[in-house]
Amino acid sequence: MGAGFVVGVLGVLFLSHAAYSTIQYRSLLKITEDEFTGPPINVVMELIAGLVLCMWAALTVPGKFLSILPQSDENRVVALPSNLDFMIFNHRGKAFPLSIDAKLK
């Protein structure tokens, strides 16, 4: 397990504990018959910390970005899939013109 995954789990634990604390605070307010105006400041700070940890983990865990350029060497087809039953060559795409005059810049 990488550090990003551990930080993500820690962020989820922070968020779940903040949710539990808010539920517990609301039940305490029901007992004392006070009005709920918002969660306490320590729960809000825990929510912000959990959000930051989860965002950091979400940005670091997925790994390396791959190229989407069609001329990239990483995108070359090496072999056809072994199951050709799901390949469809007769579809609505044939209604489009074969050559497109628009050029991307």
C-alpha atoms as a PDB file:
ATOM      1  CA  MET A   1       0.000   0.000   0.000  1.00  0.00           C
ATOM      2  CA  GLY A   2       1.243   3.410  -0.922  1.00  0.00           C
ATOM      3  CA  ALA A   3       1.187   6.515   1.197  1.00  0.00           C
ATOM      4  CA  GLY A   4      -1.641   7.987  -0.888  1.00  0.00           C
ATOM      5  CA  PHE A   5      -3.880   5.015  -0.176  1.00  0.00           C
ATOM      6  CA  VAL A   6      -3.219   5.251   3.573  1.00  0.00           C
ATOM      7  CA  VAL A   7      -3.946   8.985   3.512  1.00  0.00           C
ATOM      8  CA  GLY A   8      -7.209   8.275   1.651  1.00  0.00           C
ATOM      9  CA  VAL A   9      -8.293   5.713   4.231  1.00  0.00           C
ATOM     10  CA  LEU A  10      -7.417   8.164   6.991  1.00  0.00           C
ATOM     11  CA  GLY A  11      -9.496  10.860   5.260  1.00  0.00           C
ATOM     12  CA  VAL A  12     -12.489   8.506   4.995  1.00  0.00           C
ATOM     13  CA  LEU A  13     -12.123   7.677   8.676  1.00  0.00           C
ATOM     14  CA  PHE A  14     -12.101  11.405   9.504  1.00  0.00           C
ATOM     15  CA  LEU A  15     -15.246  11.954   7.453  1.00  0.00           C
ATOM     16  CA  SER A  16     -17.069   9.009   9.001  1.00  0.00           C
ATOM     17  CA  HIS A  17     -16.096  10.118  12.525  1.00  0.00           C
ATOM     18  CA  ALA A  18     -17.330  13.635  11.786  1.00  0.00           C
ATOM     19  CA  ALA A  19     -20.651  12.201  10.579  1.00  0.00           C
ATOM     20  CA  TYR A  20     -20.949  10.085  13.735  1.00  0.00           C
ATOM     21  CA  SER A  21     -20.119  13.111  15.904  1.00  0.00           C
ATOM     22  CA  THR A  22     -22.782  15.196  14.166  1.00  0.00           C
ATOM     23  CA  ILE A  23     -25.419  12.502  14.691  1.00  0.00           C
ATOM     24  CA  GLN A  24     -24.410  12.196  18.338  1.00  0.00           C
ATOM     25  CA  TYR A  25     -24.559  16.010  18.763  1.00  0.00           C
ATOM     26  CA  ARG A  26     -28.051  16.152  17.234  1.00  0.00           C
ATOM     27  CA  SER A  27     -29.329  13.424  19.547  1.00  0.00           C
ATOM     28  CA  LEU A  28     -27.865  15.355  22.499  1.00  0.00           C
ATOM     29  CA  LEU A  29     -29.732  18.461  21.315  1.00  0.00           C
ATOM     30  CA  LYS A  30     -32.960  16.450  21.120  1.00  0.00           C
ATOM     31  CA  ILE A  31     -32.531  15.380  24.733  1.00  0.00           C
ATOM     32  CA  THR A  32     -31.861  18.927  25.901  1.00  0.00           C
ATOM     33  CA  GLU A  33     -34.584  20.277  23.556  1.00  0.00           C
ATOM     34  CA  ASP A  34     -32.276  22.836  21.932  1.00  0.00           C
ATOM     35  CA  GLU A  35     -32.419  23.902  18.291  1.00  0.00           C
ATOM     36  CA  PHE A  36     -29.849  22.589  15.807  1.00  0.00           C
ATOM     37  CA  THR A  37     -28.096  25.533  14.152  1.00  0.00           C
ATOM     38  CA  GLY A  38     -25.088  23.660  12.827  1.00  0.00           C
ATOM     39  CA  PRO A  39     -22.372  21.246  13.846  1.00  0.00           C
ATOM     40  CA  PRO A  40     -19.746  22.278  16.407  1.00  0.00           C
ATOM     41  CA  ILE A  41     -16.513  23.871  15.196  1.00  0.00           C
ATOM     42  CA  ASN A  42     -14.422  20.764  15.961  1.00  0.00           C
ATOM     43  CA  VAL A  43     -16.655  18.698  13.663  1.00  0.00           C
ATOM     44  CA  VAL A  44     -16.350  21.325  10.920  1.00  0.00           C
ATOM     45  CA  MET A  45     -12.561  21.292  11.248  1.00  0.00           C
ATOM     46  CA  GLU A  46     -12.582  17.491  11.105  1.00  0.00           C
ATOM     47  CA  LEU A  47     -14.716  17.631   7.945  1.00  0.00           C
ATOM     48  CA  ILE A  48     -12.295  20.047   6.299  1.00  0.00           C
ATOM     49  CA  ALA A  49      -9.292  17.899   7.266  1.00  0.00           C
ATOM     50  CA  GLY A  50     -11.008  14.761   5.953  1.00  0.00           C
ATOM     51  CA  LEU A  51     -11.922  16.524   2.712  1.00  0.00           C
ATOM     52  CA  VAL A  52      -8.346  17.718   2.178  1.00  0.00           C
ATOM     53  CA  LEU A  53      -6.937  14.246   2.868  1.00  0.00           C
ATOM     54  CA  CYS A  54      -9.426  12.569   0.528  1.00  0.00           C
ATOM     55  CA  MET A  55      -8.775  15.105  -2.229  1.00  0.00           C
ATOM     56  CA  TRP A  56      -5.012  14.647  -1.901  1.00  0.00           C
ATOM     57  CA  ALA A  57      -5.383  10.878  -2.035  1.00  0.00           C
ATOM     58  CA  ALA A  58      -7.706  11.065  -5.038  1.00  0.00           C
ATOM     59  CA  LEU A  59      -5.148  13.107  -6.944  1.00  0.00           C
ATOM     60  CA  THR A  60      -2.136  10.959  -6.075  1.00  0.00           C
ATOM     61  CA  VAL A  61      -3.398   7.360  -5.963  1.00  0.00           C
ATOM     62  CA  PRO A  62      -4.529   6.860  -9.604  1.00  0.00           C
ATOM     63  CA  GLY A  63      -0.953   7.041 -10.837  1.00  0.00           C
ATOM     64  CA  LYS A  64       0.566   8.024 -14.151  1.00  0.00           C
ATOM     65  CA  PHE A  65      -1.471   9.784 -16.835  1.00  0.00           C
ATOM     66  CA  LEU A  66      -1.386   8.119 -20.246  1.00  0.00           C
ATOM     67  CA  SER A  67      -1.240   9.887 -23.576  1.00  0.00           C
ATOM     68  CA  ILE A  68      -4.465  10.230 -25.562  1.00  0.00           C
ATOM     69  CA  LEU A  69      -2.828  11.380 -28.766  1.00  0.00           C
ATOM     70  CA  PRO A  70      -3.579   8.940 -31.605  1.00  0.00           C
ATOM     71  CA  GLN A  71      -0.057   9.086 -33.023  1.00  0.00           C
ATOM     72  CA  SER A  72       1.505   8.158 -29.676  1.00  0.00           C
ATOM     73  CA  ASP A  73       3.504   4.926 -29.563  1.00  0.00           C
ATOM     74  CA  GLU A  74       1.737   3.912 -26.345  1.00  0.00           C
ATOM     75  CA  ASN A  75      -1.635   3.700 -28.124  1.00  0.00           C
ATOM     76  CA  ARG A  76      -0.716   1.251 -30.877  1.00  0.00           C
ATOM     77  CA  VAL A  77      -2.834  -1.889 -31.168  1.00  0.00           C
ATOM     78  CA  VAL A  78      -0.575  -4.883 -30.653  1.00  0.00           C
ATOM     79  CA  ALA A  79      -3.096  -7.657 -31.261  1.00  0.00           C
ATOM     80  CA  LEU A  80      -6.812  -8.071 -31.809  1.00  0.00           C
ATOM     81  CA  PRO A  81      -8.848  -9.265 -28.858  1.00  0.00           C
ATOM     82  CA  SER A  82      -9.329 -13.002 -28.641  1.00  0.00           C
ATOM     83  CA  ASN A  83     -13.142 -12.690 -28.578  1.00  0.00           C
ATOM     84  CA  LEU A  84     -14.278 -11.182 -31.884  1.00  0.00           C
ATOM     85  CA  ASP A  85     -17.987 -11.845 -31.255  1.00  0.00           C
ATOM     86  CA  PHE A  86     -18.566  -8.370 -29.848  1.00  0.00           C
ATOM     87  CA  MET A  87     -16.932  -6.429 -32.699  1.00  0.00           C
ATOM     88  CA  ILE A  88     -19.617  -4.681 -34.780  1.00  0.00           C
ATOM     89  CA  PHE A  89     -18.731  -3.331 -38.199  1.00  0.00           C
ATOM     90  CA  ASN A  90     -22.252  -2.587 -39.482  1.00  0.00           C
ATOM     91  CA  HIS A  91     -23.408   0.411 -37.423  1.00  0.00           C
ATOM     92  CA  ARG A  92     -24.740   3.978 -37.770  1.00  0.00           C
ATOM     93  CA  GLY A  93     -21.239   5.366 -38.208  1.00  0.00           C
ATOM     94  CA  LYS A  94     -21.379   4.584 -41.912  1.00  0.00           C
ATOM     95  CA  ALA A  95     -23.850   7.465 -42.346  1.00  0.00           C
ATOM     96  CA  PHE A  96     -21.055   9.958 -41.655  1.00  0.00           C
ATOM     97  CA  PRO A  97     -18.864  11.140 -44.539  1.00  0.00           C
ATOM     98  CA  LEU A  98     -15.546   9.370 -44.907  1.00  0.00           C
ATOM     99  CA  SER A  99     -13.434  12.532 -45.041  1.00  0.00           C
ATOM    100  CA  ILE A 100     -13.854  15.413 -42.654  1.00  0.00           C
ATOM    101  CA  ASP A 101     -12.739  18.832 -43.896  1.00  0.00           C
ATOM    102  CA  ALA A 102     -12.401  20.380 -40.420  1.00  0.00           C
ATOM    103  CA  LYS A 103      -8.845  20.405 -39.110  1.00  0.00           C
ATOM    104  CA  LEU A 104      -7.998  20.649 -35.445  1.00  0.00           C
ATOM    105  CA  LYS A 105      -5.331  23.095 -34.431  1.00  0.00           C
END
